C-alpha atoms as a PDB file:
ATOM      1  CA  MET A   1       0.465   6.453 -17.697  1.00  0.00           C
ATOM      2  CA  ILE A   2       2.726   5.167 -15.243  1.00  0.00           C
ATOM      3  CA  ARG A   3       3.474   1.403 -15.981  1.00  0.00           C
ATOM      4  CA  PHE A   4       5.783  -1.203 -15.931  1.00  0.00           C
ATOM      5  CA  GLN A   5       6.483  -4.826 -17.373  1.00  0.00           C
ATOM      6  CA  ILE A   6       7.531  -7.481 -15.056  1.00  0.00           C
ATOM      7  CA  GLY A   7       7.749 -10.489 -17.233  1.00  0.00           C
ATOM      8  CA  ASN A   8       4.273 -10.883 -18.737  1.00  0.00           C
ATOM      9  CA  VAL A   9       2.713  -8.794 -16.110  1.00  0.00           C
ATOM     10  CA  THR A  10       1.846  -4.961 -16.494  1.00  0.00           C
ATOM     11  CA  ALA A  11       1.616  -2.750 -13.189  1.00  0.00           C
ATOM     12  CA  THR A  12      -0.184   0.345 -13.619  1.00  0.00           C
ATOM     13  CA  LEU A  13      -0.460   3.034 -11.181  1.00  0.00           C
ATOM     14  CA  VAL A  14      -3.717   4.338 -10.074  1.00  0.00           C
ATOM     15  CA  GLN A  15      -3.437   7.553  -8.015  1.00  0.00           C
ATOM     16  CA  GLU A  16      -6.083   8.871  -6.014  1.00  0.00           C
ATOM     17  CA  THR A  17      -4.265  11.881  -4.201  1.00  0.00           C
ATOM     18  CA  VAL A  18      -1.240  13.391  -2.774  1.00  0.00           C
ATOM     19  CA  ASP A  19      -1.429  13.373   0.895  1.00  0.00           C
ATOM     20  CA  THR A  20       0.432  16.314   2.623  1.00  0.00           C
ATOM     21  CA  SER A  21      -0.625  16.143   6.158  1.00  0.00           C
ATOM     22  CA  PHE A  22       2.359  14.508   8.005  1.00  0.00           C
ATOM     23  CA  ASP A  23       5.255  16.234   9.524  1.00  0.00           C
ATOM     24  CA  PHE A  24       8.362  14.467   8.787  1.00  0.00           C
ATOM     25  CA  LEU A  25       9.898  14.594  11.919  1.00  0.00           C
ATOM     26  CA  LYS A  26       6.691  13.552  13.791  1.00  0.00           C
ATOM     27  CA  PHE A  27       6.386  10.697  11.327  1.00  0.00           C
ATOM     28  CA  PHE A  28       9.710   9.150  11.577  1.00  0.00           C
ATOM     29  CA  PRO A  29      10.496   9.484  15.435  1.00  0.00           C
ATOM     30  CA  LEU A  30      14.416   8.628  15.143  1.00  0.00           C
ATOM     31  CA  ALA A  31      14.885  10.728  12.310  1.00  0.00           C
ATOM     32  CA  THR A  32      16.845  14.196  13.174  1.00  0.00           C
ATOM     33  CA  PRO A  33      16.881  17.586  11.629  1.00  0.00           C
ATOM     34  CA  LYS A  34      20.389  17.083  10.649  1.00  0.00           C
ATOM     35  CA  ASP A  35      19.222  13.491   8.917  1.00  0.00           C
ATOM     36  CA  VAL A  36      17.014  15.800   6.930  1.00  0.00           C
ATOM     37  CA  ALA A  37      19.547  18.465   6.041  1.00  0.00           C
ATOM     38  CA  ASP A  38      21.853  15.956   5.169  1.00  0.00           C
ATOM     39  CA  ASN A  39      19.635  13.988   2.583  1.00  0.00           C
ATOM     40  CA  LEU A  40      17.469  17.267   1.317  1.00  0.00           C
ATOM     41  CA  SER A  41      19.405  17.151  -2.043  1.00  0.00           C
ATOM     42  CA  TRP A  42      17.626  14.440  -3.009  1.00  0.00           C
ATOM     43  CA  ILE A  43      14.538  14.243  -1.151  1.00  0.00           C
ATOM     44  CA  ALA A  44      13.114  17.542  -2.098  1.00  0.00           C
ATOM     45  CA  PRO A  45      10.706  18.740  -3.587  1.00  0.00           C
ATOM     46  CA  GLY A  46       9.463  15.415  -4.739  1.00  0.00           C
ATOM     47  CA  HIS A  47       9.429  13.527  -1.160  1.00  0.00           C
ATOM     48  CA  TYR A  48       9.461  16.051   0.777  1.00  0.00           C
ATOM     49  CA  ASP A  49       8.651  19.865   1.224  1.00  0.00           C
ATOM     50  CA  PRO A  50      11.423  22.158   2.771  1.00  0.00           C
ATOM     51  CA  ALA A  51       8.739  25.093   3.414  1.00  0.00           C
ATOM     52  CA  THR A  52       6.599  22.947   5.640  1.00  0.00           C
ATOM     53  CA  GLY A  53       8.695  20.060   6.997  1.00  0.00           C
ATOM     54  CA  ARG A  54       6.267  17.765   5.592  1.00  0.00           C
ATOM     55  CA  MET A  55       6.431  14.561   3.589  1.00  0.00           C
ATOM     56  CA  LEU A  56       4.684  14.009   0.344  1.00  0.00           C
ATOM     57  CA  LEU A  57       3.034  10.550   0.083  1.00  0.00           C
ATOM     58  CA  SER A  58       1.112   9.311  -2.787  1.00  0.00           C
ATOM     59  CA  MET A  59      -2.138   7.506  -2.200  1.00  0.00           C
ATOM     60  CA  HIS A  60      -2.415   5.064  -4.953  1.00  0.00           C
ATOM     61  CA  SER A  61      -2.940   1.268  -5.740  1.00  0.00           C
ATOM     62  CA  TRP A  62      -1.410  -0.951  -8.493  1.00  0.00           C
ATOM     63  CA  LEU A  63      -3.697  -2.625 -11.139  1.00  0.00           C
ATOM     64  CA  LEU A  64      -1.872  -5.796 -12.324  1.00  0.00           C
ATOM     65  CA  ASP A  65      -2.807  -7.466 -15.623  1.00  0.00           C
ATOM     66  CA  THR A  66      -1.665 -10.896 -16.003  1.00  0.00           C
ATOM     67  CA  GLY A  67      -3.697 -11.349 -19.670  1.00  0.00           C
ATOM     68  CA  ARG A  68      -5.994 -13.647 -17.433  1.00  0.00           C
ATOM     69  CA  HIS A  69      -6.846 -11.510 -14.734  1.00  0.00           C
ATOM     70  CA  LYS A  70      -7.274  -7.816 -13.565  1.00  0.00           C
ATOM     71  CA  ILE A  71      -6.027  -7.838 -10.123  1.00  0.00           C
ATOM     72  CA  LEU A  72      -6.027  -4.622  -7.900  1.00  0.00           C
ATOM     73  CA  ILE A  73      -3.468  -4.090  -5.116  1.00  0.00           C
ATOM     74  CA  ASP A  74      -4.531  -2.143  -2.284  1.00  0.00           C
ATOM     75  CA  GLY A  75      -7.827   0.352  -2.357  1.00  0.00           C
ATOM     76  CA  CYS A  76      -6.594   4.061  -1.270  1.00  0.00           C
ATOM     77  CA  VAL A  77      -9.168   5.988   0.981  1.00  0.00           C
ATOM     78  CA  GLY A  78     -11.968   6.116  -0.745  1.00  0.00           C
ATOM     79  CA  ASN A  79     -14.893   8.617  -1.356  1.00  0.00           C
ATOM     80  CA  ASP A  80     -17.537   9.766   0.900  1.00  0.00           C
ATOM     81  CA  LYS A  81     -15.625   7.831   3.992  1.00  0.00           C
ATOM     82  CA  GLU A  82     -16.183   9.463   7.284  1.00  0.00           C
ATOM     83  CA  ARG A  83     -12.805   9.760   8.830  1.00  0.00           C
ATOM     84  CA  PRO A  84     -13.047  12.480  11.675  1.00  0.00           C
ATOM     85  CA  GLY A  85      -9.369  11.425  12.877  1.00  0.00           C
ATOM     86  CA  ARG A  86      -7.946  12.543   9.674  1.00  0.00           C
ATOM     87  CA  PRO A  87      -9.499  15.342   7.799  1.00  0.00           C
ATOM     88  CA  ASP A  88      -7.487  14.718   4.859  1.00  0.00           C
ATOM     89  CA  TRP A  89      -9.114  11.391   4.128  1.00  0.00           C
ATOM     90  CA  CYS A  90     -12.420  12.603   5.187  1.00  0.00           C
ATOM     91  CA  ASN A  91     -15.491  12.807   2.641  1.00  0.00           C
ATOM     92  CA  LEU A  92     -12.916  12.472  -0.481  1.00  0.00           C
ATOM     93  CA  GLN A  93     -14.762  13.240  -3.894  1.00  0.00           C
ATOM     94  CA  THR A  94     -11.944  12.109  -6.399  1.00  0.00           C
ATOM     95  CA  PRO A  95     -12.178  10.580  -9.800  1.00  0.00           C
ATOM     96  CA  TYR A  96     -10.564   7.245  -8.975  1.00  0.00           C
ATOM     97  CA  LEU A  97     -12.637   5.148 -10.741  1.00  0.00           C
ATOM     98  CA  ASP A  98     -11.911   6.988 -13.833  1.00  0.00           C
ATOM     99  CA  ARG A  99      -8.170   6.831 -13.519  1.00  0.00           C
ATOM    100  CA  LEU A 100      -9.097   2.988 -13.054  1.00  0.00           C
ATOM    101  CA  ALA A 101     -10.624   3.229 -16.431  1.00  0.00           C
ATOM    102  CA  THR A 102      -7.799   4.896 -18.041  1.00  0.00           C
ATOM    103  CA  ALA A 103      -5.208   2.052 -16.341  1.00  0.00           C
ATOM    104  CA  GLY A 104      -7.385  -0.648 -18.247  1.00  0.00           C
ATOM    105  CA  ALA A 105     -10.060  -1.864 -15.958  1.00  0.00           C
ATOM    106  CA  THR A 106     -13.864  -1.192 -14.988  1.00  0.00           C
ATOM    107  CA  PRO A 107     -15.075  -2.361 -11.674  1.00  0.00           C
ATOM    108  CA  GLU A 108     -16.597  -5.098 -13.034  1.00  0.00           C
ATOM    109  CA  GLN A 109     -13.400  -6.462 -14.626  1.00  0.00           C
ATOM    110  CA  ILE A 110     -11.606  -6.656 -11.438  1.00  0.00           C
ATOM    111  CA  ASP A 111     -10.716 -10.242 -10.543  1.00  0.00           C
ATOM    112  CA  TYR A 112      -8.999 -10.018  -7.474  1.00  0.00           C
ATOM    113  CA  VAL A 113      -8.731  -7.106  -4.621  1.00  0.00           C
ATOM    114  CA  LEU A 114      -5.390  -7.982  -2.503  1.00  0.00           C
ATOM    115  CA  CYS A 115      -4.952  -5.855   0.369  1.00  0.00           C
ATOM    116  CA  THR A 116      -1.789  -5.574   2.241  1.00  0.00           C
ATOM    117  CA  HIS A 117      -3.106  -4.757   5.608  1.00  0.00           C
ATOM    118  CA  LEU A 118      -6.282  -3.190   6.655  1.00  0.00           C
ATOM    119  CA  HIS A 119      -5.746   0.569   7.597  1.00  0.00           C
ATOM    120  CA  ALA A 120      -8.147   2.751   6.418  1.00  0.00           C
ATOM    121  CA  ASP A 121      -6.037   4.425   3.411  1.00  0.00           C
ATOM    122  CA  HIS A 122      -5.502   0.758   1.764  1.00  0.00           C
ATOM    123  CA  ILE A 123      -9.188  -0.514   1.812  1.00  0.00           C
ATOM    124  CA  GLY A 124     -11.323   2.935   1.310  1.00  0.00           C
ATOM    125  CA  TRP A 125     -12.038   1.646  -2.488  1.00  0.00           C
ATOM    126  CA  ASN A 126     -12.978  -2.077  -1.091  1.00  0.00           C
ATOM    127  CA  THR A 127     -17.026  -0.176  -0.982  1.00  0.00           C
ATOM    128  CA  ARG A 128     -18.767   2.306  -2.388  1.00  0.00           C
ATOM    129  CA  LEU A 129     -21.957   4.354  -1.044  1.00  0.00           C
ATOM    130  CA  ILE A 130     -25.122   3.229  -3.110  1.00  0.00           C
ATOM    131  CA  GLY A 131     -27.909   4.870  -1.561  1.00  0.00           C
ATOM    132  CA  ASP A 132     -27.268   4.873   2.280  1.00  0.00           C
ATOM    133  CA  ARG A 133     -25.543   1.228   2.027  1.00  0.00           C
ATOM    134  CA  TRP A 134     -21.631   0.284   1.728  1.00  0.00           C
ATOM    135  CA  VAL A 135     -21.584  -2.306  -1.217  1.00  0.00           C
ATOM    136  CA  PRO A 136     -18.574  -4.000  -2.782  1.00  0.00           C
ATOM    137  CA  THR A 137     -16.910  -1.412  -5.642  1.00  0.00           C
ATOM    138  CA  PHE A 138     -15.666  -4.371  -7.254  1.00  0.00           C
ATOM    139  CA  PRO A 139     -18.837  -7.024  -7.966  1.00  0.00           C
ATOM    140  CA  ASN A 140     -17.141  -9.898  -9.554  1.00  0.00           C
ATOM    141  CA  ALA A 141     -13.836  -9.754  -7.470  1.00  0.00           C
ATOM    142  CA  LYS A 142     -12.685 -11.977  -4.617  1.00  0.00           C
ATOM    143  CA  TYR A 143     -11.207  -9.554  -1.908  1.00  0.00           C
ATOM    144  CA  VAL A 144      -8.138 -11.125  -0.214  1.00  0.00           C
ATOM    145  CA  PHE A 145      -7.679 -10.642   3.341  1.00  0.00           C
ATOM    146  CA  SER A 146      -4.829 -12.352   5.402  1.00  0.00           C
ATOM    147  CA  LYS A 147      -6.713 -14.152   8.334  1.00  0.00           C
ATOM    148  CA  ILE A 148      -3.758 -12.880  10.680  1.00  0.00           C
ATOM    149  CA  GLU A 149      -4.844  -9.248  10.167  1.00  0.00           C
ATOM    150  CA  ASN A 150      -8.588  -9.700   9.626  1.00  0.00           C
ATOM    151  CA  ASP A 151      -8.742 -11.346  12.732  1.00  0.00           C
ATOM    152  CA  TYR A 152      -6.675  -8.763  14.723  1.00  0.00           C
ATOM    153  CA  TRP A 153      -9.306  -5.507  13.319  1.00  0.00           C
ATOM    154  CA  ALA A 154     -12.267  -8.047  13.857  1.00  0.00           C
ATOM    155  CA  ALA A 155     -11.148  -8.342  17.649  1.00  0.00           C
ATOM    156  CA  ARG A 156     -10.657  -4.811  17.754  1.00  0.00           C
ATOM    157  CA  TYR A 157     -13.919  -4.024  16.275  1.00  0.00           C
ATOM    158  CA  ALA A 158     -15.775  -5.856  19.028  1.00  0.00           C
ATOM    159  CA  LYS A 159     -14.306  -3.664  21.589  1.00  0.00           C
ATOM    160  CA  GLU A 160     -13.998  -0.541  19.648  1.00  0.00           C
ATOM    161  CA  SER A 161     -16.403   2.086  17.960  1.00  0.00           C
ATOM    162  CA  THR A 162     -13.821   5.065  17.291  1.00  0.00           C
ATOM    163  CA  GLY A 163     -10.604   5.911  15.054  1.00  0.00           C
ATOM    164  CA  HIS A 164     -10.398   5.439  11.485  1.00  0.00           C
ATOM    165  CA  HIS A 165      -8.996   2.183  11.046  1.00  0.00           C
ATOM    166  CA  ILE A 166     -11.953   1.148  12.886  1.00  0.00           C
ATOM    167  CA  LEU A 167     -14.204   2.612  11.268  1.00  0.00           C
ATOM    168  CA  ALA A 168     -12.584   1.949   7.722  1.00  0.00           C
ATOM    169  CA  TYR A 169     -12.980  -1.845   9.115  1.00  0.00           C
ATOM    170  CA  LYS A 170     -16.825  -1.315   9.475  1.00  0.00           C
ATOM    171  CA  ASP A 171     -17.262   0.487   6.125  1.00  0.00           C
ATOM    172  CA  SER A 172     -14.730  -1.065   3.784  1.00  0.00           C
ATOM    173  CA  VAL A 173     -14.073  -4.886   5.009  1.00  0.00           C
ATOM    174  CA  LEU A 174     -17.034  -5.959   6.635  1.00  0.00           C
ATOM    175  CA  PRO A 175     -19.570  -5.119   3.708  1.00  0.00           C
ATOM    176  CA  VAL A 176     -17.214  -7.355   1.847  1.00  0.00           C
ATOM    177  CA  ILE A 177     -17.301 -10.047   4.239  1.00  0.00           C
ATOM    178  CA  GLU A 178     -21.035 -10.003   4.691  1.00  0.00           C
ATOM    179  CA  ALA A 179     -21.519 -10.049   0.548  1.00  0.00           C
ATOM    180  CA  GLY A 180     -19.966 -13.181   0.613  1.00  0.00           C
ATOM    181  CA  GLN A 181     -16.994 -11.907  -1.385  1.00  0.00           C
ATOM    182  CA  ALA A 182     -13.971 -12.248   1.165  1.00  0.00           C
ATOM    183  CA  LEU A 183     -11.230 -14.881   0.603  1.00  0.00           C
ATOM    184  CA  ILE A 184      -9.660 -14.751   3.986  1.00  0.00           C
ATOM    185  CA  VAL A 185      -6.278 -16.564   3.861  1.00  0.00           C
ATOM    186  CA  ASP A 186      -3.248 -17.945   5.598  1.00  0.00           C
ATOM    187  CA  ASP A 187       0.381 -17.054   5.282  1.00  0.00           C
ATOM    188  CA  TYR A 188       2.237 -17.908   1.709  1.00  0.00           C
ATOM    189  CA  ALA A 189      -1.403 -17.916   0.016  1.00  0.00           C
ATOM    190  CA  GLU A 190      -0.955 -18.141  -3.881  1.00  0.00           C
ATOM    191  CA  ILE A 191      -3.034 -16.154  -6.030  1.00  0.00           C
ATOM    192  CA  ALA A 192      -3.525 -16.171  -9.710  1.00  0.00           C
ATOM    193  CA  ASP A 193      -0.878 -18.337 -10.425  1.00  0.00           C
ATOM    194  CA  CYS A 194       1.547 -15.500 -10.176  1.00  0.00           C
ATOM    195  CA  LEU A 195       1.202 -14.078  -6.654  1.00  0.00           C
ATOM    196  CA  SER A 196       2.199 -15.377  -3.352  1.00  0.00           C
ATOM    197  CA  LEU A 197       1.225 -13.389  -0.039  1.00  0.00           C
ATOM    198  CA  GLU A 198       4.208 -14.001   2.827  1.00  0.00           C
ATOM    199  CA  PRO A 199       4.185 -12.564   6.083  1.00  0.00           C
ATOM    200  CA  ALA A 200       5.773  -8.785   6.829  1.00  0.00           C
ATOM    201  CA  PRO A 201       4.249  -8.010  10.297  1.00  0.00           C
ATOM    202  CA  GLY A 202       5.265  -5.048  12.308  1.00  0.00           C
ATOM    203  CA  HIS A 203       3.492  -1.858  11.084  1.00  0.00           C
ATOM    204  CA  THR A 204       0.081  -4.271  11.391  1.00  0.00           C
ATOM    205  CA  PRO A 205       0.410  -7.764  12.875  1.00  0.00           C
ATOM    206  CA  GLY A 206      -1.148  -9.474   9.965  1.00  0.00           C
ATOM    207  CA  HIS A 207       0.401  -7.059   7.036  1.00  0.00           C
ATOM    208  CA  VAL A 208       1.826  -9.124   3.865  1.00  0.00           C
ATOM    209  CA  ALA A 209       4.313  -8.528   1.402  1.00  0.00           C
ATOM    210  CA  ILE A 210       2.659  -9.339  -1.960  1.00  0.00           C
ATOM    211  CA  TRP A 211       5.638 -10.987  -4.399  1.00  0.00           C
ATOM    212  CA  LEU A 212       4.587 -11.092  -8.225  1.00  0.00           C
ATOM    213  CA  LYS A 213       6.739 -13.527 -10.429  1.00  0.00           C
ATOM    214  CA  SER A 214       6.287 -14.028 -14.287  1.00  0.00           C
ATOM    215  CA  ASN A 215       8.401 -15.266 -16.618  1.00  0.00           C
ATOM    216  CA  GLY A 216      11.629 -15.333 -14.733  1.00  0.00           C
ATOM    217  CA  ALA A 217      10.808 -11.604 -13.408  1.00  0.00           C
ATOM    218  CA  HIS A 218       9.708 -10.210  -9.776  1.00  0.00           C
ATOM    219  CA  ALA A 219       8.342  -7.374  -8.233  1.00  0.00           C
ATOM    220  CA  VAL A 220       7.123  -6.756  -4.673  1.00  0.00           C
ATOM    221  CA  MET A 221       4.032  -4.702  -3.324  1.00  0.00           C
ATOM    222  CA  THR A 222       5.740  -3.422  -0.095  1.00  0.00           C
ATOM    223  CA  GLY A 223       2.054  -1.555   1.199  1.00  0.00           C
ATOM    224  CA  ASP A 224       3.242   0.210   4.399  1.00  0.00           C
ATOM    225  CA  ILE A 225       6.516  -1.773   4.775  1.00  0.00           C
ATOM    226  CA  LEU A 226       7.898   1.418   3.392  1.00  0.00           C
ATOM    227  CA  HIS A 227       6.514   4.598   3.328  1.00  0.00           C
ATOM    228  CA  HIS A 228       9.266   6.764   2.031  1.00  0.00           C
ATOM    229  CA  PRO A 229      12.276   6.259   0.065  1.00  0.00           C
ATOM    230  CA  ILE A 230      14.507   7.504   2.604  1.00  0.00           C
ATOM    231  CA  GLN A 231      13.823   4.460   4.584  1.00  0.00           C
ATOM    232  CA  VAL A 232      15.718   2.043   2.057  1.00  0.00           C
ATOM    233  CA  LYS A 233      18.797   4.250   3.121  1.00  0.00           C
ATOM    234  CA  TYR A 234      17.637   3.763   6.944  1.00  0.00           C
ATOM    235  CA  PRO A 235      15.899   0.763   7.257  1.00  0.00           C
ATOM    236  CA  HIS A 236      15.565   0.832  11.166  1.00  0.00           C
ATOM    237  CA  TRP A 237      13.405   4.102  10.986  1.00  0.00           C
ATOM    238  CA  SER A 238       9.838   2.601  11.487  1.00  0.00           C
ATOM    239  CA  CYS A 239       6.701   5.622  11.616  1.00  0.00           C
ATOM    240  CA  PHE A 240       4.914   6.487  13.927  1.00  0.00           C
ATOM    241  CA  GLY A 241       1.629   4.182  13.146  1.00  0.00           C
ATOM    242  CA  CYS A 242       3.650   0.958  13.351  1.00  0.00           C
ATOM    243  CA  ILE A 243       2.162  -1.373  16.522  1.00  0.00           C
ATOM    244  CA  ASP A 244       5.467  -2.898  16.914  1.00  0.00           C
ATOM    245  CA  GLN A 245       8.538  -0.534  15.764  1.00  0.00           C
ATOM    246  CA  LYS A 246      10.981  -3.072  16.560  1.00  0.00           C
ATOM    247  CA  GLN A 247       9.719  -5.781  14.305  1.00  0.00           C
ATOM    248  CA  SER A 248       8.536  -3.555  11.424  1.00  0.00           C
ATOM    249  CA  ALA A 249      12.258  -2.599  11.162  1.00  0.00           C
ATOM    250  CA  GLU A 250      13.168  -5.922  10.974  1.00  0.00           C
ATOM    251  CA  THR A 251      10.699  -6.586   8.355  1.00  0.00           C
ATOM    252  CA  ARG A 252      11.861  -3.761   6.418  1.00  0.00           C
ATOM    253  CA  ARG A 253      15.335  -4.928   6.480  1.00  0.00           C
ATOM    254  CA  ARG A 254      14.431  -8.427   5.392  1.00  0.00           C
ATOM    255  CA  ILE A 255      12.509  -7.448   2.609  1.00  0.00           C
ATOM    256  CA  LEU A 256      14.986  -4.905   1.124  1.00  0.00           C
ATOM    257  CA  GLU A 257      17.204  -8.039   1.433  1.00  0.00           C
ATOM    258  CA  GLN A 258      14.846 -10.165  -0.559  1.00  0.00           C
ATOM    259  CA  THR A 259      14.412  -7.727  -3.244  1.00  0.00           C
ATOM    260  CA  CYS A 260      18.175  -7.597  -4.276  1.00  0.00           C
ATOM    261  CA  GLU A 261      18.384 -11.013  -3.719  1.00  0.00           C
ATOM    262  CA  ARG A 262      15.448 -11.880  -6.412  1.00  0.00           C
ATOM    263  CA  ARG A 263      16.371  -8.456  -8.413  1.00  0.00           C
ATOM    264  CA  ALA A 264      12.872  -7.558  -8.192  1.00  0.00           C
ATOM    265  CA  LEU A 265      10.717  -4.145  -8.493  1.00  0.00           C
ATOM    266  CA  LEU A 266      10.025  -2.353  -5.646  1.00  0.00           C
ATOM    267  CA  LEU A 267       6.228  -1.445  -5.831  1.00  0.00           C
ATOM    268  CA  PRO A 268       5.415   0.467  -2.685  1.00  0.00           C
ATOM    269  CA  GLY A 269       2.049   1.985  -1.475  1.00  0.00           C
ATOM    270  CA  HIS A 270       3.076   5.611  -0.956  1.00  0.00           C
ATOM    271  CA  PHE A 271       6.353   6.467  -3.157  1.00  0.00           C
ATOM    272  CA  MET A 272       6.215   9.550  -4.873  1.00  0.00           C
ATOM    273  CA  ALA A 273       6.619   9.987  -8.754  1.00  0.00           C
ATOM    274  CA  PRO A 274       7.871   7.407 -10.340  1.00  0.00           C
ATOM    275  CA  HIS A 275       6.496   5.329  -7.620  1.00  0.00           C
ATOM    276  CA  ALA A 276       8.784   2.676  -7.852  1.00  0.00           C
ATOM    277  CA  GLY A 277      12.261   1.452  -8.335  1.00  0.00           C
ATOM    278  CA  TYR A 278      15.166  -1.117  -7.540  1.00  0.00           C
ATOM    279  CA  VAL A 279      17.234  -1.543  -4.486  1.00  0.00           C
ATOM    280  CA  ASP A 280      21.236  -2.255  -4.610  1.00  0.00           C
ATOM    281  CA  GLU A 281      23.071  -3.476  -1.564  1.00  0.00           C
ATOM    282  CA  THR A 282      26.085  -1.189  -0.796  1.00  0.00           C
ATOM    283  CA  PRO A 283      28.943  -1.370   1.904  1.00  0.00           C
ATOM    284  CA  ASP A 284      26.854   0.617   4.196  1.00  0.00           C
ATOM    285  CA  GLY A 285      23.000  -0.704   3.517  1.00  0.00           C
ATOM    286  CA  PHE A 286      21.236  -0.240   0.505  1.00  0.00           C
ATOM    287  CA  ASP A 287      20.561   2.273  -2.462  1.00  0.00           C
ATOM    288  CA  PHE A 288      17.091   3.344  -4.005  1.00  0.00           C
ATOM    289  CA  ARG A 289      17.344   3.619  -7.754  1.00  0.00           C
ATOM    290  CA  HIS A 290      14.559   4.910 -10.131  1.00  0.00           C
ATOM    291  CA  PRO A 291      13.638   2.549 -12.765  1.00  0.00           C
ATOM    292  CA  ASP A 292      12.859   3.160 -16.307  1.00  0.00           C
ATOM    293  CA  VAL A 293       9.118   4.600 -17.005  1.00  0.00           C
ATOM    294  CA  SER A 294       6.961   3.490 -19.684  1.00  0.00           C
END
């Protein structure tokens, strides 16, 4: 069990799958074969497969237990989802909910579901298929969406009918809104007395960084601000899927600076084991170091 203590809050990893479908050099357009060779000693084999040239990405959620609330951060890909454009995300059948129970929560016990953004691999478990209907997986939860993010995807959904993110909005966001469980918030919204949703645009327009503060300790859940630990070393590398590459890089550098300033534990959405870490400033930029794991 991967679990971290941040003040009075525990953060436990709930892993769905490991994605090996992305070619490293295509995923990061600014990367070169020399960059890979220069960093091979530490990115392989845990974060990169030299035999295939593909990166390893963990698909996982973070379960926060504050003592008063159980909060799920990002909902992975989900089961039974039709994603024709992404075969590795299509019609999955994983024991995610069993793993969530092992981590410490049943669906009924989740009080809040927070989404850093509304991409298909971060919202899938928002809903599950019951008969022929998509229903909220967490019946007692409020699902927290950024207003800017929801408005962006609602506008696209009104004009488009294909693409895995559009399909995800249809089957993993709209049923939550229709059930009356959505809490659509402005920037800097505060949740459960310990979380703040701060704007972190670039990958998507309404992407947020979720900052945790408890008993003087800090952590930040970064979703897709960072996909891979190599971006700590090269924060100007945005992935091919970032809607605004320049803004994404600016956001990433700012979040890394704030993480250093606050001595916050970095809890990204896709890093492989141990899935989290600390960021230190160096004369050349930033360095990533792993924490102790309980």
